[in-house]
Protein backbone atom coordinates (compact mmCIF):
# COMPACT_ATOMS: atom_id res chain seq x y z
CA MET A 1 38.91 69.43 125.59
CA LYS A 2 39.67 73.02 126.07
CA ASN A 3 42.78 74.60 127.51
CA GLU A 4 41.88 74.61 130.51
CA LYS A 5 44.18 76.75 132.80
CA ILE A 6 44.58 74.87 135.98
CA LYS A 7 44.43 77.24 139.50
CA SER A 8 47.20 76.74 142.09
CA TYR A 9 47.35 77.64 145.56
CA SER A 10 50.10 78.94 148.02
CA PHE A 11 50.45 76.66 151.01
CA ASP A 12 49.12 80.52 152.96
CA GLU A 13 46.32 80.47 151.16
CA VAL A 14 45.57 76.92 151.60
CA LYS A 15 46.00 77.32 155.07
CA ASP A 16 43.77 80.43 155.45
CA LYS A 17 40.96 78.81 153.38
CA PHE A 18 41.09 75.52 156.10
CA LEU A 19 42.30 77.07 159.04
CA GLY A 20 42.14 80.60 158.93
CA LYS A 21 43.70 83.45 158.94
CA LYS A 22 46.61 84.29 161.13
CA GLY A 23 45.91 84.83 164.43
CA THR A 24 42.99 82.73 164.96
CA SER A 25 43.12 80.26 167.19
CA LYS A 26 43.17 77.34 164.82
CA ARG A 27 45.13 78.53 162.68
CA ASP A 28 47.79 79.31 165.74
CA GLU A 29 47.04 75.78 167.32
CA TYR A 30 48.05 74.41 163.84
CA GLU A 31 51.34 76.37 163.63
CA LEU A 32 52.31 75.79 166.89
CA ALA A 33 51.84 72.00 166.87
CA LEU A 34 54.26 72.33 163.37
CA SER A 35 56.77 73.96 165.20
CA LEU A 36 56.89 71.57 167.40
CA ASP A 37 56.84 68.61 165.19
CA LEU A 38 60.19 70.43 163.51
CA LEU A 39 61.90 71.26 167.05
CA GLY A 40 61.57 67.38 167.61
CA GLU A 41 62.74 66.29 164.45
CA MET A 42 65.87 68.69 164.74
CA ILE A 43 66.98 67.29 167.93
CA LYS A 44 66.49 63.68 166.77
CA LYS A 45 68.80 64.50 163.54
CA THR A 46 71.08 66.24 165.68
CA ARG A 47 71.67 63.60 168.26
CA LYS A 48 72.37 61.17 165.55
CA LYS A 49 74.34 63.26 163.86
CA ARG A 50 76.42 63.52 166.82
CA GLY A 51 76.04 59.35 167.51
CA PHE A 52 74.37 59.65 170.58
CA SER A 53 71.54 57.11 171.60
CA GLN A 54 68.31 58.47 173.33
CA GLU A 55 69.65 56.74 176.33
CA GLN A 56 72.70 58.69 176.28
CA LEU A 57 71.32 61.95 175.74
CA GLY A 58 68.99 61.73 178.19
CA ASN A 59 71.81 60.64 180.86
CA LEU A 60 73.31 64.01 179.61
CA ILE A 61 70.79 66.03 180.74
CA GLY A 62 69.42 63.90 183.91
CA VAL A 63 65.72 62.06 182.01
CA GLN A 64 65.33 58.86 180.85
CA LYS A 65 65.22 57.65 177.32
CA ALA A 66 61.49 57.53 176.81
CA TRP A 67 61.42 61.29 177.78
CA ILE A 68 64.14 61.92 174.99
CA SER A 69 61.72 59.90 172.30
CA LYS A 70 58.59 62.29 173.37
CA LEU A 71 60.51 65.03 172.67
CA GLU A 72 61.54 63.99 169.49
CA ASN A 73 58.27 62.61 168.89
CA SER A 74 56.46 65.98 169.65
CA THR A 75 54.43 64.27 172.43
CA THR A 76 55.20 66.24 175.50
CA ASN A 77 55.75 69.37 176.85
CA VAL A 78 58.84 70.80 177.21
CA SER A 79 60.48 74.23 178.82
CA VAL A 80 62.46 76.82 176.94
CA ASP A 81 65.61 75.98 179.43
CA THR A 82 65.18 71.57 179.13
CA LEU A 83 65.58 72.96 175.12
CA PHE A 84 68.46 74.74 175.79
CA LYS A 85 70.08 71.86 178.13
CA VAL A 86 69.08 69.86 174.95
CA PHE A 87 71.04 71.49 172.64
CA SER A 88 73.76 72.22 174.85
CA ALA A 89 74.61 68.49 175.59
CA LEU A 90 74.59 68.16 171.65
CA ASN A 91 77.13 70.83 171.56
CA ALA A 92 74.29 72.62 169.19
CA LYS A 93 73.20 75.95 169.20
CA ILE A 94 69.43 76.75 169.29
CA ASN A 95 68.09 80.39 168.43
CA PHE A 96 64.34 81.92 168.72
CA THR A 97 62.97 84.65 167.21
CA VAL A 98 60.23 86.82 168.61
CA SER A 99 57.96 88.53 165.82
CA LEU A 100 56.48 92.21 167.34
CA ASN A 101 54.58 93.58 164.35
CA GLU A 102 56.90 92.88 162.00
CA GLU A 103 60.06 93.52 164.15
CA HIS A 104 62.10 90.36 164.80
CA ILE A 105 64.17 90.04 168.43
CA LYS A 106 66.27 87.31 168.28
CA VAL A 107 67.01 85.14 171.27
CA ALA A 108 69.62 82.99 171.75
């Protein structure tokens, strides 16, 4: 066996090859879904850290327990206003960063 060098690829290179470059519809859909999954996971971890059940959090913001479950599992749409309500009820800050041609704008 020769000393064959194994080629490695960055995650971005793999995404470029299989999903397309940034800005293509397939890549944008993937990135959005990934972001929503991470957001749901953050909500779940924060809720648990604060010691709330899904039902208790739902009661604080006026929604059913099932909706909190859907939010945490990224199976429902959510408005920015509702996100602020959720994180406010959890006594946690949420920040958004908008990128415009390499310029970053923070929204809190």
